[in-house]
Protein backbone atom coordinates (compact mmCIF):
# COMPACT_ATOMS: atom_id res chain seq x y z
CA MET A 1 -2.49 16.34 -22.67
CA GLU A 2 -1.83 14.00 -25.58
CA ALA A 3 0.41 10.95 -25.41
CA CYS A 4 1.81 8.77 -28.20
CA LEU A 5 1.64 5.02 -27.87
CA ALA A 6 4.85 3.06 -27.55
CA MET A 7 3.32 0.42 -29.83
CA PRO A 8 3.20 1.54 -33.51
CA TRP A 9 0.21 -0.68 -34.37
CA VAL A 10 -2.20 1.50 -32.41
CA GLU A 11 -2.92 5.21 -32.85
CA ALA A 12 -2.82 7.66 -29.95
CA TYR A 13 -6.00 7.40 -27.90
CA GLN A 14 -7.73 9.71 -25.45
CA LEU A 15 -8.56 8.87 -21.86
CA LYS A 16 -9.95 10.45 -18.71
CA VAL A 17 -8.10 9.55 -15.52
CA SER A 18 -9.23 10.77 -12.10
CA ALA A 19 -6.86 12.11 -9.48
CA ALA A 20 -7.30 8.91 -7.51
CA ARG A 21 -5.85 6.95 -10.40
CA ALA A 22 -2.76 9.12 -10.69
CA MET A 23 -0.88 7.13 -8.04
CA LEU A 24 0.39 4.66 -10.66
CA VAL A 25 3.89 5.91 -11.44
CA GLY A 26 4.86 7.08 -14.93
CA PHE A 27 1.59 6.29 -16.69
CA ALA A 28 0.25 8.54 -19.45
CA ALA A 29 -3.33 9.85 -19.45
CA VAL A 30 -5.12 12.15 -21.83
CA ALA A 31 -8.49 13.87 -21.86
CA GLY A 32 -11.43 11.95 -23.39
CA LEU A 33 -13.85 13.14 -26.00
CA ALA A 34 -17.41 13.80 -24.88
CA GLY A 35 -20.40 13.32 -27.18
CA CYS A 36 -23.69 15.21 -27.09
CA GLY A 37 -27.14 13.89 -27.90
CA ASN A 38 -29.60 14.95 -30.61
CA SER A 39 -33.26 14.59 -29.72
CA SER A 40 -34.39 15.04 -33.33
CA GLU A 41 -33.25 11.57 -34.45
CA PRO A 42 -35.81 8.91 -35.49
CA ALA A 43 -37.45 7.04 -32.63
CA GLU A 44 -36.14 3.68 -33.81
CA LEU A 45 -32.58 4.69 -33.00
CA SER A 46 -31.25 3.80 -29.56
CA ASP A 47 -30.18 6.47 -27.09
CA ALA A 48 -26.57 5.47 -27.73
CA ALA A 49 -27.01 5.80 -31.48
CA ARG A 50 -28.62 9.25 -31.14
CA ALA A 51 -25.75 10.35 -28.91
CA GLU A 52 -23.22 9.05 -31.43
CA ARG A 53 -25.03 10.80 -34.31
CA GLY A 54 -25.22 14.04 -32.35
CA ALA A 55 -21.52 13.85 -31.54
CA ALA A 56 -20.68 13.43 -35.21
CA GLN A 57 -22.84 16.41 -36.16
CA ALA A 58 -21.06 18.48 -33.52
CA GLY A 59 -17.70 17.63 -35.10
CA TYR A 60 -16.66 14.90 -32.67
CA LEU A 61 -16.16 11.19 -33.18
CA THR A 62 -16.95 9.13 -30.09
CA PRO A 63 -14.46 6.31 -29.38
CA PRO A 64 -15.79 2.76 -29.79
CA SER A 65 -16.38 0.73 -26.64
CA PRO A 66 -16.54 -3.06 -26.25
CA ASP A 67 -19.14 -4.13 -23.70
CA ALA A 68 -19.92 -7.83 -24.20
CA VAL A 69 -18.07 -11.07 -24.91
CA ARG A 70 -19.29 -14.63 -25.45
CA LEU A 71 -17.96 -17.98 -26.55
CA SER A 72 -19.26 -19.59 -29.74
CA ALA A 73 -18.45 -22.90 -31.38
CA ALA A 74 -15.85 -21.05 -33.47
CA GLY A 75 -14.29 -19.06 -30.65
CA VAL A 76 -14.66 -15.66 -28.96
CA VAL A 77 -17.24 -13.11 -30.14
CA LEU A 78 -16.99 -9.45 -29.11
CA SER A 79 -19.74 -6.82 -29.22
CA GLY A 80 -19.92 -3.14 -28.40
CA ALA A 81 -21.05 0.35 -29.32
CA ALA A 82 -19.61 2.81 -31.81
CA GLN A 83 -20.56 5.56 -34.23
CA ALA A 84 -23.60 4.42 -36.24
CA GLY A 85 -22.43 3.49 -39.73
CA GLY A 86 -18.79 3.61 -38.69
CA LYS A 87 -16.15 1.08 -39.71
CA VAL A 88 -14.88 -0.65 -36.57
CA ARG A 89 -11.39 -2.13 -36.73
CA LEU A 90 -9.79 -4.61 -34.33
CA ALA A 91 -6.01 -4.76 -34.91
CA THR A 92 -3.29 -7.05 -33.60
CA PRO A 93 0.29 -5.98 -32.76
CA ALA A 94 1.44 -7.74 -35.93
CA GLY A 95 -0.77 -5.50 -38.07
CA ALA A 96 -3.51 -8.01 -38.93
CA PHE A 97 -7.01 -6.66 -38.47
CA GLN A 98 -10.71 -7.41 -38.72
CA GLU A 99 -13.38 -4.88 -39.61
CA THR A 100 -17.13 -4.54 -39.46
CA VAL A 101 -19.66 -1.74 -39.95
CA THR A 102 -22.01 -0.70 -37.17
CA GLY A 103 -25.74 -0.68 -37.73
CA ARG A 104 -28.21 2.17 -37.24
CA ASP A 105 -28.44 1.19 -33.59
CA GLY A 106 -24.71 1.87 -33.13
CA ARG A 107 -23.92 -1.77 -32.33
CA TRP A 108 -21.11 -3.90 -33.73
CA THR A 109 -20.05 -7.56 -33.43
CA LEU A 110 -16.80 -9.24 -34.38
CA ALA A 111 -15.95 -12.96 -34.28
CA LEU A 112 -12.27 -13.30 -33.42
CA ALA A 113 -9.96 -15.67 -35.21
CA PRO A 114 -9.23 -18.84 -33.21
CA MET A 115 -6.62 -18.25 -30.51
CA SER A 116 -4.57 -20.48 -28.24
CA GLN A 117 -3.10 -17.72 -26.06
CA PRO A 118 -4.37 -14.44 -24.58
CA ALA A 119 -4.15 -11.63 -27.12
CA ILE A 120 -4.09 -7.84 -27.04
CA TYR A 121 -5.77 -5.60 -29.63
CA GLY A 122 -6.26 -1.99 -30.61
CA LEU A 123 -9.87 -0.99 -31.30
CA SER A 124 -10.83 1.99 -33.46
CA VAL A 125 -13.67 3.37 -35.57
CA GLU A 126 -13.57 5.35 -38.81
CA THR A 127 -16.32 7.62 -40.12
CA LYS A 128 -16.05 10.02 -43.06
CA GLY A 129 -12.29 9.80 -43.14
CA GLN A 130 -11.85 10.34 -39.41
CA ARG A 131 -10.55 7.60 -37.14
CA VAL A 132 -10.51 7.53 -33.35
CA GLN A 133 -8.95 4.94 -31.07
CA ALA A 134 -10.87 3.33 -28.21
CA GLU A 135 -9.87 3.95 -24.64
CA GLY A 136 -7.06 1.59 -23.69
CA TYR A 137 -6.16 -1.76 -25.23
CA LEU A 138 -8.44 -4.77 -25.45
CA LEU A 139 -7.27 -8.01 -23.82
CA VAL A 140 -9.06 -11.25 -24.75
CA THR A 141 -8.40 -14.81 -23.58
CA PRO A 142 -9.32 -18.08 -25.34
CA GLY A 143 -11.66 -18.86 -22.42
CA GLY A 144 -13.77 -15.76 -22.98
CA GLN A 145 -12.31 -13.38 -20.41
CA ALA A 146 -11.96 -9.86 -21.76
CA ALA A 147 -10.98 -6.47 -20.37
CA VAL A 148 -10.04 -2.97 -21.47
CA LEU A 149 -6.50 -2.28 -20.21
CA ARG A 150 -6.18 1.35 -19.13
CA SER A 151 -2.95 3.15 -18.35
CA GLY A 152 -2.90 4.40 -14.77
CA ALA A 153 -6.32 2.93 -13.96
CA ALA A 154 -8.06 -0.35 -13.23
CA ALA A 155 -8.88 -2.60 -16.16
CA LEU A 156 -12.55 -2.72 -17.17
CA ARG A 157 -13.77 -6.32 -17.31
CA ILE A 158 -16.19 -7.03 -20.14
CA ASP A 159 -17.01 -10.64 -19.30
CA ALA A 160 -19.88 -10.89 -16.83
CA ALA A 161 -19.28 -11.67 -13.17
CA GLY A 162 -21.22 -14.57 -11.69
CA LYS A 163 -21.53 -12.86 -8.31
CA PRO A 164 -20.12 -9.81 -6.49
CA ALA A 165 -16.36 -10.23 -6.49
CA ILE A 166 -12.95 -8.67 -6.93
CA ARG A 167 -12.43 -8.43 -10.68
CA THR A 168 -9.06 -6.84 -11.46
CA ILE A 169 -5.90 -5.67 -9.75
CA ASP A 170 -3.57 -3.30 -11.59
CA PHE A 171 -0.15 -2.27 -10.32
CA ASP A 172 3.00 -0.60 -11.54
CA ARG A 173 6.63 -1.62 -11.06
CA GLU A 174 6.81 0.36 -7.81
CA GLY A 175 3.83 -1.45 -6.25
CA GLY A 176 1.23 1.31 -6.62
CA ALA A 177 -2.07 -0.55 -7.06
CA VAL A 178 -5.72 0.03 -7.94
CA VAL A 179 -8.50 -2.56 -7.52
CA SER A 180 -11.84 -2.97 -9.25
CA ALA A 181 -14.78 -5.02 -8.01
CA TRP A 182 -18.32 -5.79 -9.08
CA ALA A 183 -21.27 -5.53 -6.65
CA PRO A 184 -24.97 -4.66 -6.74
CA ALA A 185 -25.51 -1.12 -8.08
CA GLY A 186 -25.11 1.40 -5.28
CA ALA A 187 -23.85 -1.18 -2.78
CA VAL A 188 -21.25 -0.18 -0.21
CA VAL A 189 -18.01 -2.01 -1.01
CA ALA A 190 -15.26 -2.41 1.58
CA LEU A 191 -11.74 -3.65 0.84
CA ARG A 192 -9.21 -4.99 3.33
CA VAL A 193 -5.53 -5.77 2.77
CA ASP A 194 -3.93 -8.33 5.07
CA GLY A 195 -6.87 -7.98 7.46
CA ARG A 196 -6.64 -4.19 7.72
CA PRO A 197 -9.27 -1.80 6.30
CA ALA A 198 -8.01 -0.32 3.03
CA THR A 199 -10.83 1.61 1.36
CA GLN A 200 -14.61 1.84 1.17
CA GLY A 201 -17.11 3.33 -1.28
CA ARG A 202 -20.23 2.69 -3.36
CA ALA A 203 -20.52 0.77 -6.61
CA ASP A 204 -21.80 2.82 -9.54
CA GLN A 205 -25.01 2.14 -11.47
CA GLN A 206 -23.24 -0.55 -13.50
CA GLY A 207 -22.09 -2.23 -10.29
CA ARG A 208 -18.46 -1.20 -10.75
CA TYR A 209 -16.30 -0.09 -7.86
CA GLU A 210 -12.73 1.08 -8.33
CA ALA A 211 -10.27 2.40 -5.77
CA PRO A 212 -6.51 2.85 -5.33
CA LEU A 213 -4.75 1.16 -2.43
CA GLN A 214 -2.56 3.28 -0.21
CA GLY A 215 1.17 2.67 -0.16
CA ALA A 216 3.29 0.33 -2.25
CA LEU A 217 2.48 -3.37 -2.35
CA GLN A 218 5.24 -5.90 -2.85
CA GLY A 219 5.35 -9.61 -2.06
CA SER A 220 2.46 -11.71 -0.71
CA HIS A 221 -0.84 -10.13 0.35
CA ARG A 222 -4.44 -11.11 0.98
CA LEU A 223 -7.13 -8.85 -0.48
CA GLU A 224 -10.69 -9.14 0.83
CA MET A 225 -13.94 -7.56 -0.35
CA SER A 226 -17.34 -7.35 1.31
CA ALA A 227 -20.54 -5.88 -0.15
CA GLU A 228 -24.16 -6.33 0.94
CA GLY A 229 -23.56 -9.73 2.51
CA TYR A 230 -21.26 -10.94 -0.27
CA ASN A 231 -17.62 -11.68 0.43
CA ASP A 232 -14.65 -12.45 -1.75
CA ALA A 233 -10.92 -12.87 -1.14
CA VAL A 234 -7.81 -13.45 -3.20
CA ALA A 235 -4.19 -14.20 -2.33
CA LEU A 236 -1.80 -11.99 -4.30
CA GLN A 237 1.84 -12.16 -5.21
CA ILE A 238 2.93 -8.68 -6.27
CA THR A 239 6.28 -8.76 -8.07
CA ARG A 240 8.06 -6.19 -10.18
CA ALA A 241 7.42 -6.71 -13.90
CA GLN A 242 10.48 -7.51 -15.97
CA PRO A 243 11.15 -5.61 -19.20
CA LEU A 244 9.03 -6.77 -22.13
CA ALA A 245 11.06 -8.00 -25.08
CA PRO A 246 9.92 -8.88 -27.59
CA GLY A 247 6.26 -7.94 -27.92
CA PRO A 248 3.91 -5.51 -26.16
CA MET A 249 2.70 -7.96 -23.50
CA ARG A 250 3.48 -11.07 -21.47
CA ALA A 251 0.76 -13.31 -19.98
CA GLN A 252 1.09 -15.95 -17.29
CA ASN A 253 -1.33 -17.79 -15.03
CA THR A 254 -1.04 -17.16 -11.29
CA GLY A 255 -2.93 -18.37 -8.24
CA ALA A 256 -5.00 -15.17 -8.31
CA GLY A 257 -5.80 -15.34 -12.03
CA LEU A 258 -4.25 -14.40 -15.35
CA ARG A 259 -1.48 -11.80 -15.01
CA VAL A 260 -0.63 -9.65 -18.01
CA ASP A 261 2.37 -7.30 -18.08
CA TRP A 262 1.89 -4.76 -20.85
CA THR A 263 3.48 -1.64 -22.31
CA THR A 264 1.66 1.60 -21.49
CA PRO A 265 1.36 4.56 -23.87
CA GLY A 266 4.11 6.32 -21.94
CA GLY A 267 6.49 3.40 -22.47
CA GLY A 268 6.30 2.01 -18.93
CA VAL A 269 5.07 -1.42 -17.88
CA GLN A 270 1.79 -1.99 -16.05
CA SER A 271 0.60 -5.32 -14.66
CA THR A 272 -3.03 -6.42 -14.69
CA ILE A 273 -4.47 -9.47 -12.95
CA LEU A 274 -7.84 -10.76 -14.15
CA VAL A 275 -9.08 -12.29 -10.90
CA HIS A 276 -11.02 -15.57 -11.05
């Protein structure tokens, strides 16, 4: 099912959302494009580049994905993967944009303009007259935190975690929440809310663990995580987001980390906390 963004500066994007993520009320989700590999490509191309090339030959354009962020003397530098030879565009809500062309390895890098406040972007790639939007919106802070904001799902942190920890908490205006954490690949991760067991599962091969919390959360809560001898905890203040006007987002520092209230593709408001 296709959804149109409430923000005109970004095109409609496509997104896979699992049934577990559907508990966030009123959020739009659409099916993602899947690429297929081509084993006949030159050996010097990376696996990602061969997959991107194969997807293009099959008539599909794989969305770009940011996967690394670092601080330089000039500011924040983003890197990621996209269609080899594609033109990657990073656009602001005001319509300003930066572009770069990916190499044969399917990698791209963009140095952001100096910023004093957290900013939100739309990321897309164009190849042979076709353009596709990345999954979600890209949030970047002056301090080098970065995450992909996803409607109805947990944000994907791009900045590296120093140790296993709770990374993001996303919730809607009704208190439906989903948590993401980072732990050793395959580790069993257990979450507790206010001292009571909430959910448990295994981190994937990238060390990511994501799970919805049962019930609606409002007010003050303590969220705890344990995984393979590592422990983390954060005190939360879950409050209903106020309408956003003007602009597509509002950012404020909280005791748990940076909170961003942002407009979803369906026109609702989702809140994301970048923990630590």
